All heavy atoms as atom14 arrays in JSON, in Angstrom:
{
  "sequence": "TIGELANTPDPSRVLKYVGASENQLSMVFHLDIGHIGMGNSLEDKYI",
  "atom14_mask": [
    [1, 1, 1, 1, 1, 1, 1, 0, 0, 0, 0, 0, 0, 0],
    [1, 1, 1, 1, 1, 1, 1, 1, 0, 0, 0, 0, 0, 0],
    [1, 1, 1, 1, 0, 0, 0, 0, 0, 0, 0, 0, 0, 0],
    [1, 1, 1, 1, 1, 1, 1, 1, 1, 0, 0, 0, 0, 0],
    [1, 1, 1, 1, 1, 1, 1, 1, 0, 0, 0, 0, 0, 0],
    [1, 1, 1, 1, 1, 0, 0, 0, 0, 0, 0, 0, 0, 0],
    [1, 1, 1, 1, 1, 1, 1, 1, 0, 0, 0, 0, 0, 0],
    [1, 1, 1, 1, 1, 1, 1, 0, 0, 0, 0, 0, 0, 0],
    [1, 1, 1, 1, 1, 1, 1, 0, 0, 0, 0, 0, 0, 0],
    [1, 1, 1, 1, 1, 1, 1, 1, 0, 0, 0, 0, 0, 0],
    [1, 1, 1, 1, 1, 1, 1, 0, 0, 0, 0, 0, 0, 0],
    [1, 1, 1, 1, 1, 1, 0, 0, 0, 0, 0, 0, 0, 0],
    [1, 1, 1, 1, 1, 1, 1, 1, 1, 1, 1, 0, 0, 0],
    [1, 1, 1, 1, 1, 1, 1, 0, 0, 0, 0, 0, 0, 0],
    [1, 1, 1, 1, 1, 1, 1, 1, 0, 0, 0, 0, 0, 0],
    [1, 1, 1, 1, 1, 1, 1, 1, 1, 0, 0, 0, 0, 0],
    [1, 1, 1, 1, 1, 1, 1, 1, 1, 1, 1, 1, 0, 0],
    [1, 1, 1, 1, 1, 1, 1, 0, 0, 0, 0, 0, 0, 0],
    [1, 1, 1, 1, 0, 0, 0, 0, 0, 0, 0, 0, 0, 0],
    [1, 1, 1, 1, 1, 0, 0, 0, 0, 0, 0, 0, 0, 0],
    [1, 1, 1, 1, 1, 1, 0, 0, 0, 0, 0, 0, 0, 0],
    [1, 1, 1, 1, 1, 1, 1, 1, 1, 0, 0, 0, 0, 0],
    [1, 1, 1, 1, 1, 1, 1, 1, 0, 0, 0, 0, 0, 0],
    [1, 1, 1, 1, 1, 1, 1, 1, 1, 0, 0, 0, 0, 0],
    [1, 1, 1, 1, 1, 1, 1, 1, 0, 0, 0, 0, 0, 0],
    [1, 1, 1, 1, 1, 1, 0, 0, 0, 0, 0, 0, 0, 0],
    [1, 1, 1, 1, 1, 1, 1, 1, 0, 0, 0, 0, 0, 0],
    [1, 1, 1, 1, 1, 1, 1, 0, 0, 0, 0, 0, 0, 0],
    [1, 1, 1, 1, 1, 1, 1, 1, 1, 1, 1, 0, 0, 0],
    [1, 1, 1, 1, 1, 1, 1, 1, 1, 1, 0, 0, 0, 0],
    [1, 1, 1, 1, 1, 1, 1, 1, 0, 0, 0, 0, 0, 0],
    [1, 1, 1, 1, 1, 1, 1, 1, 0, 0, 0, 0, 0, 0],
    [1, 1, 1, 1, 1, 1, 1, 1, 0, 0, 0, 0, 0, 0],
    [1, 1, 1, 1, 0, 0, 0, 0, 0, 0, 0, 0, 0, 0],
    [1, 1, 1, 1, 1, 1, 1, 1, 1, 1, 0, 0, 0, 0],
    [1, 1, 1, 1, 1, 1, 1, 1, 0, 0, 0, 0, 0, 0],
    [1, 1, 1, 1, 0, 0, 0, 0, 0, 0, 0, 0, 0, 0],
    [1, 1, 1, 1, 1, 1, 1, 1, 0, 0, 0, 0, 0, 0],
    [1, 1, 1, 1, 0, 0, 0, 0, 0, 0, 0, 0, 0, 0],
    [1, 1, 1, 1, 1, 1, 1, 1, 0, 0, 0, 0, 0, 0],
    [1, 1, 1, 1, 1, 1, 0, 0, 0, 0, 0, 0, 0, 0],
    [1, 1, 1, 1, 1, 1, 1, 1, 0, 0, 0, 0, 0, 0],
    [1, 1, 1, 1, 1, 1, 1, 1, 1, 0, 0, 0, 0, 0],
    [1, 1, 1, 1, 1, 1, 1, 1, 0, 0, 0, 0, 0, 0],
    [1, 1, 1, 1, 1, 1, 1, 1, 1, 0, 0, 0, 0, 0],
    [1, 1, 1, 1, 1, 1, 1, 1, 1, 1, 1, 1, 0, 0],
    [1, 1, 1, 1, 1, 1, 1, 1, 0, 0, 0, 0, 0, 0]
  ],
  "atom14_positions": [
    [[0.85, -1.14, 0.04], [0.0, -0.01, -0.08], [0.81, 1.28, 0.03], [1.78, 1.38, 0.79], [-0.85, 0.0, 1.2], [-0.11, -0.12, 2.47], [-1.99, -0.96, 1.06], [0.0, 0.0, 0.0], [0.0, 0.0, 0.0], [0.0, 0.0, 0.0], [0.0, 0.0, 0.0], [0.0, 0.0, 0.0], [0.0, 0.0, 0.0], [0.0, 0.0, 0.0]],
    [[0.62, 2.11, -0.93], [1.39, 3.32, -1.11], [0.44, 4.5, -0.91], [-0.3, 4.79, -1.89], [2.09, 3.43, -2.34], [2.99, 2.14, -2.74], [3.01, 4.62, -2.57], [2.32, 1.37, -3.9], [0.0, 0.0, 0.0], [0.0, 0.0, 0.0], [0.0, 0.0, 0.0], [0.0, 0.0, 0.0], [0.0, 0.0, 0.0], [0.0, 0.0, 0.0]],
    [[0.5, 5.24, 0.16], [-0.42, 6.32, 0.45], [-0.05, 7.56, -0.19], [1.16, 7.85, -0.09], [0.0, 0.0, 0.0], [0.0, 0.0, 0.0], [0.0, 0.0, 0.0], [0.0, 0.0, 0.0], [0.0, 0.0, 0.0], [0.0, 0.0, 0.0], [0.0, 0.0, 0.0], [0.0, 0.0, 0.0], [0.0, 0.0, 0.0], [0.0, 0.0, 0.0]],
    [[-0.98, 8.3, -0.65], [-0.65, 9.67, -1.09], [-0.9, 10.65, 0.18], [-1.98, 10.9, 0.56], [-1.68, 10.06, -2.21], [-1.48, 11.54, -2.81], [-2.59, 12.01, -3.65], [-3.76, 11.51, -3.47], [-2.37, 12.79, -4.5], [0.0, 0.0, 0.0], [0.0, 0.0, 0.0], [0.0, 0.0, 0.0], [0.0, 0.0, 0.0], [0.0, 0.0, 0.0]],
    [[0.16, 11.0, 0.65], [0.14, 11.75, 2.08], [0.5, 13.2, 1.92], [1.58, 13.55, 1.73], [1.15, 11.07, 2.93], [1.07, 11.49, 4.47], [-0.22, 10.73, 5.1], [2.19, 11.1, 5.25], [0.0, 0.0, 0.0], [0.0, 0.0, 0.0], [0.0, 0.0, 0.0], [0.0, 0.0, 0.0], [0.0, 0.0, 0.0], [0.0, 0.0, 0.0]],
    [[-0.64, 13.98, 1.82], [-0.45, 15.38, 1.71], [-0.4, 16.09, 2.99], [-0.89, 15.67, 4.08], [-1.6, 16.01, 0.87], [0.0, 0.0, 0.0], [0.0, 0.0, 0.0], [0.0, 0.0, 0.0], [0.0, 0.0, 0.0], [0.0, 0.0, 0.0], [0.0, 0.0, 0.0], [0.0, 0.0, 0.0], [0.0, 0.0, 0.0], [0.0, 0.0, 0.0]],
    [[0.23, 17.27, 3.07], [0.3, 18.11, 4.13], [0.61, 17.46, 5.49], [-0.14, 17.7, 6.55], [-1.17, 18.83, 4.22], [-1.58, 19.47, 3.16], [-2.52, 18.93, 2.31], [-1.02, 20.59, 2.53], [0.0, 0.0, 0.0], [0.0, 0.0, 0.0], [0.0, 0.0, 0.0], [0.0, 0.0, 0.0], [0.0, 0.0, 0.0], [0.0, 0.0, 0.0]],
    [[1.69, 16.82, 5.42], [2.23, 16.11, 6.57], [3.69, 16.28, 6.7], [4.44, 15.44, 6.34], [1.82, 14.53, 6.73], [0.47, 14.49, 6.44], [2.14, 14.0, 8.04], [0.0, 0.0, 0.0], [0.0, 0.0, 0.0], [0.0, 0.0, 0.0], [0.0, 0.0, 0.0], [0.0, 0.0, 0.0], [0.0, 0.0, 0.0], [0.0, 0.0, 0.0]],
    [[4.15, 17.53, 7.1], [5.59, 17.76, 6.96], [6.49, 17.28, 8.02], [7.71, 17.14, 7.84], [5.63, 19.47, 7.06], [4.33, 19.74, 7.81], [3.32, 18.66, 7.44], [0.0, 0.0, 0.0], [0.0, 0.0, 0.0], [0.0, 0.0, 0.0], [0.0, 0.0, 0.0], [0.0, 0.0, 0.0], [0.0, 0.0, 0.0], [0.0, 0.0, 0.0]],
    [[5.91, 16.83, 9.13], [6.63, 16.25, 10.24], [6.9, 14.81, 10.09], [6.07, 13.99, 10.14], [5.88, 16.43, 11.6], [6.69, 16.07, 12.86], [7.68, 15.46, 12.69], [6.11, 16.26, 13.85], [0.0, 0.0, 0.0], [0.0, 0.0, 0.0], [0.0, 0.0, 0.0], [0.0, 0.0, 0.0], [0.0, 0.0, 0.0], [0.0, 0.0, 0.0]],
    [[8.26, 14.34, 9.95], [8.55, 12.98, 9.77], [8.24, 12.03, 10.86], [7.78, 10.91, 10.51], [10.18, 13.09, 9.72], [10.49, 14.47, 9.16], [9.46, 15.31, 9.87], [0.0, 0.0, 0.0], [0.0, 0.0, 0.0], [0.0, 0.0, 0.0], [0.0, 0.0, 0.0], [0.0, 0.0, 0.0], [0.0, 0.0, 0.0], [0.0, 0.0, 0.0]],
    [[8.07, 12.63, 12.04], [7.56, 11.7, 13.04], [6.14, 11.33, 12.95], [5.71, 10.24, 13.37], [7.85, 12.38, 14.52], [6.87, 13.63, 14.67], [0.0, 0.0, 0.0], [0.0, 0.0, 0.0], [0.0, 0.0, 0.0], [0.0, 0.0, 0.0], [0.0, 0.0, 0.0], [0.0, 0.0, 0.0], [0.0, 0.0, 0.0], [0.0, 0.0, 0.0]],
    [[5.35, 12.25, 12.44], [3.92, 11.98, 11.99], [3.86, 10.93, 10.81], [2.95, 10.1, 10.8], [3.11, 13.12, 11.87], [3.06, 14.17, 12.92], [2.04, 15.24, 12.75], [0.65, 14.65, 12.72], [-0.51, 15.37, 12.64], [-0.34, 16.74, 12.38], [-1.62, 14.8, 12.73], [0.0, 0.0, 0.0], [0.0, 0.0, 0.0], [0.0, 0.0, 0.0]],
    [[4.76, 11.08, 9.96], [4.72, 10.24, 8.76], [5.15, 8.73, 9.23], [4.61, 7.8, 8.69], [5.74, 10.7, 7.69], [5.83, 9.63, 6.51], [5.37, 12.08, 7.16], [0.0, 0.0, 0.0], [0.0, 0.0, 0.0], [0.0, 0.0, 0.0], [0.0, 0.0, 0.0], [0.0, 0.0, 0.0], [0.0, 0.0, 0.0], [0.0, 0.0, 0.0]],
    [[6.08, 8.66, 10.17], [6.43, 7.23, 10.72], [5.2, 6.56, 11.41], [5.16, 5.34, 11.32], [7.58, 7.47, 11.58], [8.91, 7.71, 11.02], [9.97, 8.05, 12.13], [9.32, 6.47, 10.17], [0.0, 0.0, 0.0], [0.0, 0.0, 0.0], [0.0, 0.0, 0.0], [0.0, 0.0, 0.0], [0.0, 0.0, 0.0], [0.0, 0.0, 0.0]],
    [[4.21, 7.35, 11.69], [3.04, 6.73, 12.32], [2.21, 5.99, 11.15], [1.47, 4.96, 11.43], [2.11, 7.76, 12.86], [2.67, 8.32, 14.22], [2.44, 7.39, 15.36], [1.11, 7.16, 15.81], [0.96, 6.23, 16.94], [0.0, 0.0, 0.0], [0.0, 0.0, 0.0], [0.0, 0.0, 0.0], [0.0, 0.0, 0.0], [0.0, 0.0, 0.0]],
    [[2.39, 6.53, 9.94], [1.82, 5.82, 8.82], [2.57, 4.55, 8.18], [2.08, 3.63, 7.87], [1.52, 6.73, 7.61], [0.58, 7.79, 8.05], [0.79, 9.07, 8.5], [-0.86, 7.52, 7.67], [-0.17, 10.02, 8.73], [-1.87, 8.34, 7.99], [-1.56, 9.67, 8.36], [-2.53, 10.61, 8.63], [0.0, 0.0, 0.0], [0.0, 0.0, 0.0]],
    [[3.96, 4.67, 8.23], [4.82, 3.78, 7.46], [5.73, 2.86, 8.25], [6.32, 2.06, 7.94], [5.68, 4.53, 6.42], [4.8, 5.29, 5.44], [6.68, 5.46, 7.12], [0.0, 0.0, 0.0], [0.0, 0.0, 0.0], [0.0, 0.0, 0.0], [0.0, 0.0, 0.0], [0.0, 0.0, 0.0], [0.0, 0.0, 0.0], [0.0, 0.0, 0.0]],
    [[5.69, 3.11, 9.73], [6.51, 2.12, 10.44], [5.93, 0.76, 10.52], [4.66, 0.55, 10.51], [0.0, 0.0, 0.0], [0.0, 0.0, 0.0], [0.0, 0.0, 0.0], [0.0, 0.0, 0.0], [0.0, 0.0, 0.0], [0.0, 0.0, 0.0], [0.0, 0.0, 0.0], [0.0, 0.0, 0.0], [0.0, 0.0, 0.0], [0.0, 0.0, 0.0]],
    [[6.83, -0.24, 10.17], [6.18, -1.62, 10.01], [5.51, -2.04, 11.27], [4.52, -2.75, 11.19], [7.37, -2.52, 9.83], [0.0, 0.0, 0.0], [0.0, 0.0, 0.0], [0.0, 0.0, 0.0], [0.0, 0.0, 0.0], [0.0, 0.0, 0.0], [0.0, 0.0, 0.0], [0.0, 0.0, 0.0], [0.0, 0.0, 0.0], [0.0, 0.0, 0.0]],
    [[5.98, -1.58, 12.47], [5.14, -1.93, 13.74], [3.9, -1.29, 13.95], [3.12, -1.72, 14.77], [6.09, -1.63, 14.83], [6.4, -0.2, 14.84], [0.0, 0.0, 0.0], [0.0, 0.0, 0.0], [0.0, 0.0, 0.0], [0.0, 0.0, 0.0], [0.0, 0.0, 0.0], [0.0, 0.0, 0.0], [0.0, 0.0, 0.0], [0.0, 0.0, 0.0]],
    [[3.59, -0.27, 13.08], [2.28, 0.44, 13.22], [1.24, -0.33, 12.47], [0.07, -0.06, 12.69], [2.43, 1.9, 12.59], [3.42, 2.66, 13.29], [3.02, 3.16, 14.67], [1.8, 2.99, 15.11], [3.79, 3.67, 15.45], [0.0, 0.0, 0.0], [0.0, 0.0, 0.0], [0.0, 0.0, 0.0], [0.0, 0.0, 0.0], [0.0, 0.0, 0.0]],
    [[1.49, -1.2, 11.63], [0.62, -1.95, 10.71], [-0.43, -1.19, 10.03], [-1.7, -1.21, 10.25], [-0.24, -3.0, 11.71], [0.79, -4.18, 12.08], [1.73, -4.45, 11.43], [0.46, -4.76, 13.22], [0.0, 0.0, 0.0], [0.0, 0.0, 0.0], [0.0, 0.0, 0.0], [0.0, 0.0, 0.0], [0.0, 0.0, 0.0], [0.0, 0.0, 0.0]],
    [[0.08, -0.06, 9.27], [-0.81, 0.72, 8.48], [-0.62, 0.69, 7.09], [-1.23, -0.02, 6.21], [-0.81, 2.09, 9.14], [-1.27, 2.25, 10.52], [-1.55, 3.67, 11.05], [-1.79, 4.51, 10.4], [-1.32, 3.65, 12.52], [0.0, 0.0, 0.0], [0.0, 0.0, 0.0], [0.0, 0.0, 0.0], [0.0, 0.0, 0.0], [0.0, 0.0, 0.0]],
    [[0.52, 1.44, 6.59], [0.88, 1.56, 5.15], [2.23, 0.99, 4.9], [3.23, 1.06, 5.81], [0.74, 2.92, 4.73], [-0.54, 3.56, 4.73], [-0.49, 5.03, 4.55], [-1.58, 3.01, 3.71], [0.0, 0.0, 0.0], [0.0, 0.0, 0.0], [0.0, 0.0, 0.0], [0.0, 0.0, 0.0], [0.0, 0.0, 0.0], [0.0, 0.0, 0.0]],
    [[2.54, 0.52, 3.71], [3.92, 0.07, 3.42], [4.85, 1.17, 3.16], [5.99, 1.21, 3.63], [4.0, -0.69, 2.08], [2.99, -1.7, 1.97], [0.0, 0.0, 0.0], [0.0, 0.0, 0.0], [0.0, 0.0, 0.0], [0.0, 0.0, 0.0], [0.0, 0.0, 0.0], [0.0, 0.0, 0.0], [0.0, 0.0, 0.0], [0.0, 0.0, 0.0]],
    [[4.38, 2.38, 2.66], [5.1, 3.49, 2.4], [4.13, 4.58, 1.88], [2.92, 4.26, 1.68], [6.23, 3.28, 1.2], [5.56, 2.76, -0.11], [6.74, 2.27, -1.36], [6.28, 0.44, -1.42], [0.0, 0.0, 0.0], [0.0, 0.0, 0.0], [0.0, 0.0, 0.0], [0.0, 0.0, 0.0], [0.0, 0.0, 0.0], [0.0, 0.0, 0.0]],
    [[4.61, 5.91, 1.78], [3.82, 6.93, 1.42], [4.59, 7.82, 0.34], [5.78, 7.76, 0.29], [3.32, 7.84, 2.43], [2.39, 7.09, 3.35], [4.56, 8.61, 3.2], [0.0, 0.0, 0.0], [0.0, 0.0, 0.0], [0.0, 0.0, 0.0], [0.0, 0.0, 0.0], [0.0, 0.0, 0.0], [0.0, 0.0, 0.0], [0.0, 0.0, 0.0]],
    [[3.9, 8.56, -0.59], [4.44, 9.64, -1.35], [4.49, 10.87, -0.53], [3.4, 11.41, -0.04], [3.53, 9.92, -2.52], [3.57, 8.73, -3.58], [2.45, 8.23, -4.06], [4.79, 8.23, -4.1], [2.4, 7.12, -4.98], [4.87, 7.27, -4.98], [3.68, 6.71, -5.55], [0.0, 0.0, 0.0], [0.0, 0.0, 0.0], [0.0, 0.0, 0.0]],
    [[5.62, 11.44, -0.33], [5.73, 12.85, 0.1], [5.59, 13.77, -0.93], [6.44, 13.8, -1.96], [7.24, 12.93, 0.98], [7.39, 11.76, 1.69], [6.82, 11.48, 2.96], [8.25, 10.71, 1.42], [7.33, 10.28, 3.36], [8.16, 9.78, 2.54], [0.0, 0.0, 0.0], [0.0, 0.0, 0.0], [0.0, 0.0, 0.0], [0.0, 0.0, 0.0]],
    [[4.71, 14.53, -0.95], [4.3, 15.38, -2.26], [5.23, 16.63, -2.37], [5.01, 17.43, -3.43], [2.84, 15.74, -2.22], [1.93, 14.47, -2.23], [0.46, 14.88, -2.2], [2.23, 13.43, -3.29], [0.0, 0.0, 0.0], [0.0, 0.0, 0.0], [0.0, 0.0, 0.0], [0.0, 0.0, 0.0], [0.0, 0.0, 0.0], [0.0, 0.0, 0.0]],
    [[6.1, 16.85, -1.46], [6.83, 18.12, -1.47], [7.48, 18.41, -2.92], [7.49, 19.43, -3.34], [7.89, 18.23, -0.43], [7.22, 18.01, 0.95], [6.12, 17.54, 1.06], [7.93, 18.28, 1.93], [0.0, 0.0, 0.0], [0.0, 0.0, 0.0], [0.0, 0.0, 0.0], [0.0, 0.0, 0.0], [0.0, 0.0, 0.0], [0.0, 0.0, 0.0]],
    [[8.17, 17.24, -3.44], [8.89, 17.39, -4.6], [8.07, 17.88, -5.81], [8.43, 18.53, -6.69], [9.75, 16.24, -4.84], [10.91, 16.6, -5.8], [8.99, 15.0, -5.47], [12.21, 15.68, -5.73], [0.0, 0.0, 0.0], [0.0, 0.0, 0.0], [0.0, 0.0, 0.0], [0.0, 0.0, 0.0], [0.0, 0.0, 0.0], [0.0, 0.0, 0.0]],
    [[6.84, 17.28, -5.73], [5.89, 17.66, -6.8], [5.34, 19.05, -6.73], [4.82, 19.6, -7.74], [0.0, 0.0, 0.0], [0.0, 0.0, 0.0], [0.0, 0.0, 0.0], [0.0, 0.0, 0.0], [0.0, 0.0, 0.0], [0.0, 0.0, 0.0], [0.0, 0.0, 0.0], [0.0, 0.0, 0.0], [0.0, 0.0, 0.0], [0.0, 0.0, 0.0]],
    [[5.47, 19.7, -5.51], [5.02, 21.11, -5.26], [6.11, 22.06, -5.66], [5.77, 23.31, -5.5], [4.51, 21.22, -3.75], [3.34, 20.36, -3.58], [2.88, 20.09, -2.32], [2.35, 19.87, -4.41], [1.75, 19.39, -2.39], [1.42, 19.21, -3.66], [0.0, 0.0, 0.0], [0.0, 0.0, 0.0], [0.0, 0.0, 0.0], [0.0, 0.0, 0.0]],
    [[7.33, 21.61, -5.95], [8.37, 22.68, -6.18], [7.87, 23.52, -7.38], [7.41, 23.2, -8.32], [9.7, 22.0, -6.58], [10.3, 21.31, -5.29], [10.63, 22.93, -7.17], [11.48, 20.43, -5.66], [0.0, 0.0, 0.0], [0.0, 0.0, 0.0], [0.0, 0.0, 0.0], [0.0, 0.0, 0.0], [0.0, 0.0, 0.0], [0.0, 0.0, 0.0]],
    [[8.0, 24.82, -7.07], [7.68, 25.84, -8.18], [6.2, 26.37, -7.83], [5.81, 27.32, -8.56], [0.0, 0.0, 0.0], [0.0, 0.0, 0.0], [0.0, 0.0, 0.0], [0.0, 0.0, 0.0], [0.0, 0.0, 0.0], [0.0, 0.0, 0.0], [0.0, 0.0, 0.0], [0.0, 0.0, 0.0], [0.0, 0.0, 0.0], [0.0, 0.0, 0.0]],
    [[5.37, 25.54, -7.1], [3.92, 26.02, -6.96], [3.88, 27.12, -5.84], [4.72, 27.27, -5.06], [3.12, 24.79, -6.48], [2.92, 23.76, -7.6], [1.88, 22.46, -7.1], [1.71, 21.56, -8.6], [0.0, 0.0, 0.0], [0.0, 0.0, 0.0], [0.0, 0.0, 0.0], [0.0, 0.0, 0.0], [0.0, 0.0, 0.0], [0.0, 0.0, 0.0]],
    [[2.73, 27.78, -5.87], [2.51, 28.78, -4.93], [2.36, 28.23, -3.44], [2.17, 27.04, -3.32], [0.0, 0.0, 0.0], [0.0, 0.0, 0.0], [0.0, 0.0, 0.0], [0.0, 0.0, 0.0], [0.0, 0.0, 0.0], [0.0, 0.0, 0.0], [0.0, 0.0, 0.0], [0.0, 0.0, 0.0], [0.0, 0.0, 0.0], [0.0, 0.0, 0.0]],
    [[2.49, 29.06, -2.47], [2.54, 28.53, -1.08], [1.24, 28.29, -0.49], [1.16, 27.75, 0.61], [3.25, 29.61, -0.28], [4.74, 29.77, -0.64], [5.36, 28.75, -1.06], [5.26, 30.94, -0.61], [0.0, 0.0, 0.0], [0.0, 0.0, 0.0], [0.0, 0.0, 0.0], [0.0, 0.0, 0.0], [0.0, 0.0, 0.0], [0.0, 0.0, 0.0]],
    [[0.1, 28.66, -1.3], [-1.23, 28.36, -0.67], [-2.04, 27.79, -1.71], [-1.73, 27.72, -2.86], [-1.93, 29.65, -0.11], [-2.04, 30.52, -1.31], [0.0, 0.0, 0.0], [0.0, 0.0, 0.0], [0.0, 0.0, 0.0], [0.0, 0.0, 0.0], [0.0, 0.0, 0.0], [0.0, 0.0, 0.0], [0.0, 0.0, 0.0], [0.0, 0.0, 0.0]],
    [[-3.16, 27.14, -1.22], [-4.07, 26.45, -2.14], [-4.52, 27.41, -3.21], [-4.51, 26.94, -4.48], [-5.32, 25.92, -1.56], [-6.1, 24.85, -2.16], [-5.26, 23.65, -2.55], [-7.27, 24.34, -1.26], [0.0, 0.0, 0.0], [0.0, 0.0, 0.0], [0.0, 0.0, 0.0], [0.0, 0.0, 0.0], [0.0, 0.0, 0.0], [0.0, 0.0, 0.0]],
    [[-4.88, 28.5, -2.92], [-5.49, 29.47, -4.02], [-4.36, 30.0, -4.95], [-4.7, 30.36, -6.05], [-6.24, 30.79, -3.29], [-5.22, 31.68, -2.51], [-5.26, 31.16, -0.9], [-5.29, 30.04, -0.75], [-5.28, 32.07, -0.09], [0.0, 0.0, 0.0], [0.0, 0.0, 0.0], [0.0, 0.0, 0.0], [0.0, 0.0, 0.0], [0.0, 0.0, 0.0]],
    [[-3.13, 29.87, -4.54], [-1.97, 30.29, -5.48], [-1.16, 29.11, -5.97], [-0.11, 29.32, -6.45], [-1.04, 31.23, -4.67], [-1.65, 32.67, -4.56], [-2.68, 32.98, -5.32], [-1.13, 33.47, -3.74], [0.0, 0.0, 0.0], [0.0, 0.0, 0.0], [0.0, 0.0, 0.0], [0.0, 0.0, 0.0], [0.0, 0.0, 0.0], [0.0, 0.0, 0.0]],
    [[-1.81, 27.93, -5.98], [-1.13, 26.73, -6.33], [-0.43, 26.88, -7.7], [0.63, 26.45, -8.01], [-2.08, 25.49, -6.3], [-1.47, 24.17, -6.68], [-2.5, 23.11, -6.6], [-1.91, 21.71, -7.1], [-2.89, 20.61, -6.9], [0.0, 0.0, 0.0], [0.0, 0.0, 0.0], [0.0, 0.0, 0.0], [0.0, 0.0, 0.0], [0.0, 0.0, 0.0]],
    [[-1.1, 27.44, -8.73], [-0.61, 27.42, -10.0], [-0.13, 28.87, -10.44], [0.06, 29.12, -11.58], [-1.75, 27.11, -11.08], [-2.0, 25.58, -11.03], [-3.17, 25.09, -10.5], [-0.98, 24.68, -11.45], [-3.33, 23.7, -10.44], [-1.25, 23.36, -11.36], [-2.37, 22.9, -10.87], [-2.58, 21.46, -10.76], [0.0, 0.0, 0.0], [0.0, 0.0, 0.0]],
    [[0.34, 29.62, -9.36], [1.21, 30.78, -9.52], [2.7, 30.3, -9.59], [3.17, 29.9, -8.46], [1.0, 31.88, -8.66], [-0.49, 32.33, -8.62], [1.82, 33.11, -8.88], [-1.04, 33.01, -9.88], [0.0, 0.0, 0.0], [0.0, 0.0, 0.0], [0.0, 0.0, 0.0], [0.0, 0.0, 0.0], [0.0, 0.0, 0.0], [0.0, 0.0, 0.0]]
  ]
}
């Protein structure tokens, strides 16, 4: 299971999803790299 994990910048919170001992997800996509060059807010995403 590969989760699309948006708006979760804290690695410790991400580990709650992907730690093997947590029994939740195999891994997640950190979307930050896809957001490079985008605006800093939802309304300015495509600026």
